[in-house]
């Protein structure tokens, strides 16, 4: 996945859920996890969800730190194995409490969307780390060429 203006360049791997029912995020801060139980990037319907780290316990910065610099209109390209790349344009950027992700985040129907999620301040070690999420949504560019 590339977002040239912000410098985002992350490898994507499929992920599932933890024992607590939360989406898994790859340990590697340079990677993004695609929620494999939902639509894939390039799907004709629903929200394709990718999550990644803003930083690590050791202080290393993650690729999804770039989400903090994303603006409406920025382009994101998702490269896919066995298919051509798909391009999205950022539509919204929103910070929400972790327990208050919008219901549409993991939807499987409706217009195609790319949803990128990372952690957001404040950081509270007593509560296990970051208490909010930064959610960036993007809409497909040229979606008429996608399968229905």
C-alpha atoms as a PDB file:
ATOM      1  CA  UNK A   1       0.000   0.000   0.000  1.00  0.00           C
ATOM      2  CA  UNK A   2       1.333   3.401  -0.991  1.00  0.00           C
ATOM      3  CA  UNK A   3       0.273   6.940  -0.144  1.00  0.00           C
ATOM      4  CA  UNK A   4       2.944   8.998  -1.909  1.00  0.00           C
ATOM      5  CA  UNK A   5       2.261  12.424  -0.374  1.00  0.00           C
ATOM      6  CA  UNK A   6       2.587  11.135   3.198  1.00  0.00           C
ATOM      7  CA  UNK A   7       5.329   8.561   2.565  1.00  0.00           C
ATOM      8  CA  UNK A   8       3.179   5.603   3.636  1.00  0.00           C
ATOM      9  CA  UNK A   9       4.552   2.365   2.174  1.00  0.00           C
ATOM     10  CA  UNK A  10       3.289  -0.713   4.016  1.00  0.00           C
ATOM     11  CA  UNK A  11       3.199  -4.393   3.165  1.00  0.00           C
ATOM     12  CA  UNK A  12      -0.264  -5.909   3.738  1.00  0.00           C
ATOM     13  CA  UNK A  13      -0.991  -9.286   5.307  1.00  0.00           C
ATOM     14  CA  UNK A  14      -4.343 -10.876   6.172  1.00  0.00           C
ATOM     15  CA  UNK A  15      -5.354 -10.879   9.853  1.00  0.00           C
ATOM     16  CA  UNK A  16      -8.270 -12.149  11.902  1.00  0.00           C
ATOM     17  CA  UNK A  17      -9.440 -11.537  15.446  1.00  0.00           C
ATOM     18  CA  UNK A  18      -7.949 -11.935  18.910  1.00  0.00           C
ATOM     19  CA  UNK A  19      -9.415 -14.159  21.620  1.00  0.00           C
ATOM     20  CA  UNK A  20     -11.234 -11.039  22.892  1.00  0.00           C
ATOM     21  CA  UNK A  21     -12.831 -10.468  19.484  1.00  0.00           C
ATOM     22  CA  UNK A  22     -10.716  -7.468  18.449  1.00  0.00           C
ATOM     23  CA  UNK A  23      -9.088  -7.169  15.043  1.00  0.00           C
ATOM     24  CA  UNK A  24      -5.514  -8.442  15.052  1.00  0.00           C
ATOM     25  CA  UNK A  25      -2.776  -5.983  14.084  1.00  0.00           C
ATOM     26  CA  UNK A  26       0.567  -7.302  12.765  1.00  0.00           C
ATOM     27  CA  UNK A  27       3.456  -7.048  15.244  1.00  0.00           C
ATOM     28  CA  UNK A  28       5.683  -5.551  12.539  1.00  0.00           C
ATOM     29  CA  UNK A  29       5.251  -1.732  12.582  1.00  0.00           C
ATOM     30  CA  UNK A  30       6.087  -1.578   8.860  1.00  0.00           C
ATOM     31  CA  UNK A  31       3.124  -3.814   7.952  1.00  0.00           C
ATOM     32  CA  UNK A  32      -0.629  -3.328   7.731  1.00  0.00           C
ATOM     33  CA  UNK A  33      -3.196  -5.989   8.532  1.00  0.00           C
ATOM     34  CA  UNK A  34      -6.172  -6.537   6.243  1.00  0.00           C
ATOM     35  CA  UNK A  35      -9.266  -7.795   8.110  1.00  0.00           C
ATOM     36  CA  UNK A  36      -9.742 -11.022   6.135  1.00  0.00           C
ATOM     37  CA  UNK A  37     -13.299 -11.645   7.417  1.00  0.00           C
ATOM     38  CA  UNK A  38     -14.542  -8.613   5.494  1.00  0.00           C
ATOM     39  CA  UNK A  39     -14.234  -7.240   1.973  1.00  0.00           C
ATOM     40  CA  UNK A  40     -10.796  -7.069   0.359  1.00  0.00           C
ATOM     41  CA  UNK A  41      -9.423  -3.858  -1.097  1.00  0.00           C
ATOM     42  CA  UNK A  42     -10.899  -3.549  -4.570  1.00  0.00           C
ATOM     43  CA  UNK A  43     -14.183  -5.270  -3.639  1.00  0.00           C
ATOM     44  CA  UNK A  44     -17.289  -3.825  -5.236  1.00  0.00           C
ATOM     45  CA  UNK A  45     -19.090  -3.506  -1.877  1.00  0.00           C
ATOM     46  CA  UNK A  46     -18.373  -2.843   1.775  1.00  0.00           C
ATOM     47  CA  UNK A  47     -15.522  -1.516   3.860  1.00  0.00           C
ATOM     48  CA  UNK A  48     -12.067  -3.056   3.343  1.00  0.00           C
ATOM     49  CA  UNK A  49     -10.314  -2.518   6.682  1.00  0.00           C
ATOM     50  CA  UNK A  50      -6.551  -2.156   7.118  1.00  0.00           C
ATOM     51  CA  UNK A  51      -4.927  -1.527  10.506  1.00  0.00           C
ATOM     52  CA  UNK A  52      -1.365  -0.755  11.495  1.00  0.00           C
ATOM     53  CA  UNK A  53       0.813   0.683  14.228  1.00  0.00           C
ATOM     54  CA  UNK A  54       1.687   4.319  14.773  1.00  0.00           C
ATOM     55  CA  UNK A  55       4.615   3.260  16.981  1.00  0.00           C
ATOM     56  CA  UNK A  56       5.872   0.398  19.148  1.00  0.00           C
ATOM     57  CA  UNK A  57       6.739  -0.198  22.796  1.00  0.00           C
ATOM     58  CA  UNK A  58      10.407   0.322  21.880  1.00  0.00           C
ATOM     59  CA  UNK A  59       9.719   3.740  20.347  1.00  0.00           C
ATOM     60  CA  UNK A  60      10.100   2.619  16.731  1.00  0.00           C
ATOM     61  CA  UNK A  61       7.738   4.486  14.435  1.00  0.00           C
ATOM     62  CA  UNK A  62       5.157   2.566  12.432  1.00  0.00           C
ATOM     63  CA  UNK A  63       4.072   3.106   8.842  1.00  0.00           C
ATOM     64  CA  UNK A  64       0.582   4.152   9.953  1.00  0.00           C
ATOM     65  CA  UNK A  65       2.054   7.255  11.605  1.00  0.00           C
ATOM     66  CA  UNK A  66       1.556   8.649   8.076  1.00  0.00           C
ATOM     67  CA  UNK A  67      -2.218   8.633   8.695  1.00  0.00           C
ATOM     68  CA  UNK A  68      -1.735  11.687  10.936  1.00  0.00           C
ATOM     69  CA  UNK A  69      -0.626  13.649   7.851  1.00  0.00           C
ATOM     70  CA  UNK A  70      -3.360  12.456   5.488  1.00  0.00           C
ATOM     71  CA  UNK A  71      -5.736  15.033   4.098  1.00  0.00           C
ATOM     72  CA  UNK A  72      -8.938  14.891   2.115  1.00  0.00           C
ATOM     73  CA  UNK A  73      -8.092  14.129  -1.510  1.00  0.00           C
ATOM     74  CA  UNK A  74      -4.829  12.251  -0.841  1.00  0.00           C
ATOM     75  CA  UNK A  75      -4.396   9.189  -3.030  1.00  0.00           C
ATOM     76  CA  UNK A  76      -3.797   5.706  -1.649  1.00  0.00           C
ATOM     77  CA  UNK A  77      -2.819   2.805  -3.894  1.00  0.00           C
ATOM     78  CA  UNK A  78      -3.330  -0.768  -2.731  1.00  0.00           C
ATOM     79  CA  UNK A  79      -1.306  -3.368  -4.600  1.00  0.00           C
ATOM     80  CA  UNK A  80      -2.947  -6.802  -4.763  1.00  0.00           C
ATOM     81  CA  UNK A  81      -1.523 -10.231  -5.510  1.00  0.00           C
ATOM     82  CA  UNK A  82      -3.065 -11.666  -8.663  1.00  0.00           C
ATOM     83  CA  UNK A  83      -4.879  -8.423  -9.571  1.00  0.00           C
ATOM     84  CA  UNK A  84      -4.041  -4.886 -10.569  1.00  0.00           C
ATOM     85  CA  UNK A  85      -3.637  -2.116  -8.010  1.00  0.00           C
ATOM     86  CA  UNK A  86      -6.670  -0.152  -6.829  1.00  0.00           C
ATOM     87  CA  UNK A  87      -6.581   3.556  -6.089  1.00  0.00           C
ATOM     88  CA  UNK A  88      -8.564   5.391  -3.433  1.00  0.00           C
ATOM     89  CA  UNK A  89      -8.942   9.042  -2.493  1.00  0.00           C
ATOM     90  CA  UNK A  90      -9.147  10.071   1.178  1.00  0.00           C
ATOM     91  CA  UNK A  91     -12.620  11.324   2.100  1.00  0.00           C
ATOM     92  CA  UNK A  92     -12.543  11.653   5.906  1.00  0.00           C
ATOM     93  CA  UNK A  93     -10.222  11.523   8.899  1.00  0.00           C
ATOM     94  CA  UNK A  94     -11.753  11.060  12.343  1.00  0.00           C
ATOM     95  CA  UNK A  95     -10.464  10.345  15.864  1.00  0.00           C
ATOM     96  CA  UNK A  96     -12.778   8.249  18.053  1.00  0.00           C
ATOM     97  CA  UNK A  97     -12.502   6.408  21.379  1.00  0.00           C
ATOM     98  CA  UNK A  98     -11.421   2.799  20.759  1.00  0.00           C
ATOM     99  CA  UNK A  99     -14.745   1.489  22.026  1.00  0.00           C
ATOM    100  CA  UNK A 100     -16.677   3.825  19.720  1.00  0.00           C
ATOM    101  CA  UNK A 101     -15.592   2.848  16.210  1.00  0.00           C
ATOM    102  CA  UNK A 102     -18.406   3.772  13.806  1.00  0.00           C
ATOM    103  CA  UNK A 103     -20.729   0.836  13.018  1.00  0.00           C
ATOM    104  CA  UNK A 104     -19.896   1.249   9.318  1.00  0.00           C
ATOM    105  CA  UNK A 105     -16.228   0.399   9.923  1.00  0.00           C
ATOM    106  CA  UNK A 106     -16.621  -3.326   9.251  1.00  0.00           C
ATOM    107  CA  UNK A 107     -19.671  -3.255   6.967  1.00  0.00           C
ATOM    108  CA  UNK A 108     -19.923  -5.822   4.173  1.00  0.00           C
ATOM    109  CA  UNK A 109     -22.509  -4.038   2.051  1.00  0.00           C
ATOM    110  CA  UNK A 110     -22.975  -0.613   0.545  1.00  0.00           C
ATOM    111  CA  UNK A 111     -20.539   1.432  -1.487  1.00  0.00           C
ATOM    112  CA  UNK A 112     -16.892   0.311  -1.529  1.00  0.00           C
ATOM    113  CA  UNK A 113     -14.643   2.050   0.982  1.00  0.00           C
ATOM    114  CA  UNK A 114     -11.111   1.639   2.250  1.00  0.00           C
ATOM    115  CA  UNK A 115     -10.875   2.153   6.023  1.00  0.00           C
ATOM    116  CA  UNK A 116      -7.457   2.645   7.641  1.00  0.00           C
ATOM    117  CA  UNK A 117      -7.152   2.435  11.433  1.00  0.00           C
ATOM    118  CA  UNK A 118      -4.320   3.235  13.841  1.00  0.00           C
ATOM    119  CA  UNK A 119      -3.946   4.294  17.459  1.00  0.00           C
ATOM    120  CA  UNK A 120      -4.406   7.896  18.560  1.00  0.00           C
ATOM    121  CA  UNK A 121      -3.689   9.874  21.735  1.00  0.00           C
ATOM    122  CA  UNK A 122      -4.081  10.156  24.547  1.00  0.00           C
ATOM    123  CA  UNK A 123      -1.713   7.429  25.699  1.00  0.00           C
ATOM    124  CA  UNK A 124      -2.659   5.986  29.082  1.00  0.00           C
ATOM    125  CA  UNK A 125      -0.392   3.146  30.287  1.00  0.00           C
ATOM    126  CA  UNK A 126      -2.830   2.300  33.073  1.00  0.00           C
ATOM    127  CA  UNK A 127      -5.516   1.615  30.452  1.00  0.00           C
ATOM    128  CA  UNK A 128      -3.182  -0.400  28.240  1.00  0.00           C
ATOM    129  CA  UNK A 129      -1.901   2.262  25.861  1.00  0.00           C
ATOM    130  CA  UNK A 130      -3.644   4.555  23.409  1.00  0.00           C
ATOM    131  CA  UNK A 131      -7.321   5.095  24.197  1.00  0.00           C
ATOM    132  CA  UNK A 132      -8.451   6.367  20.790  1.00  0.00           C
ATOM    133  CA  UNK A 133      -8.249   5.379  17.134  1.00  0.00           C
ATOM    134  CA  UNK A 134      -7.543   7.518  14.099  1.00  0.00           C
ATOM    135  CA  UNK A 135      -9.832   6.329  11.294  1.00  0.00           C
ATOM    136  CA  UNK A 136      -9.188   7.388   7.691  1.00  0.00           C
ATOM    137  CA  UNK A 137     -11.783   6.498   5.077  1.00  0.00           C
ATOM    138  CA  UNK A 138     -11.152   6.619   1.359  1.00  0.00           C
ATOM    139  CA  UNK A 139     -13.343   6.173  -1.688  1.00  0.00           C
ATOM    140  CA  UNK A 140     -12.345   4.342  -4.867  1.00  0.00           C
ATOM    141  CA  UNK A 141     -11.128   6.274  -7.863  1.00  0.00           C
ATOM    142  CA  UNK A 142     -12.654   5.037 -11.106  1.00  0.00           C
ATOM    143  CA  UNK A 143     -14.845   2.447  -9.424  1.00  0.00           C
ATOM    144  CA  UNK A 144     -16.883   1.892 -12.584  1.00  0.00           C
ATOM    145  CA  UNK A 145     -14.089  -0.348 -13.839  1.00  0.00           C
ATOM    146  CA  UNK A 146     -14.373  -2.703 -10.843  1.00  0.00           C
ATOM    147  CA  UNK A 147     -16.388  -5.937 -10.904  1.00  0.00           C
ATOM    148  CA  UNK A 148     -19.886  -5.818  -9.428  1.00  0.00           C
END
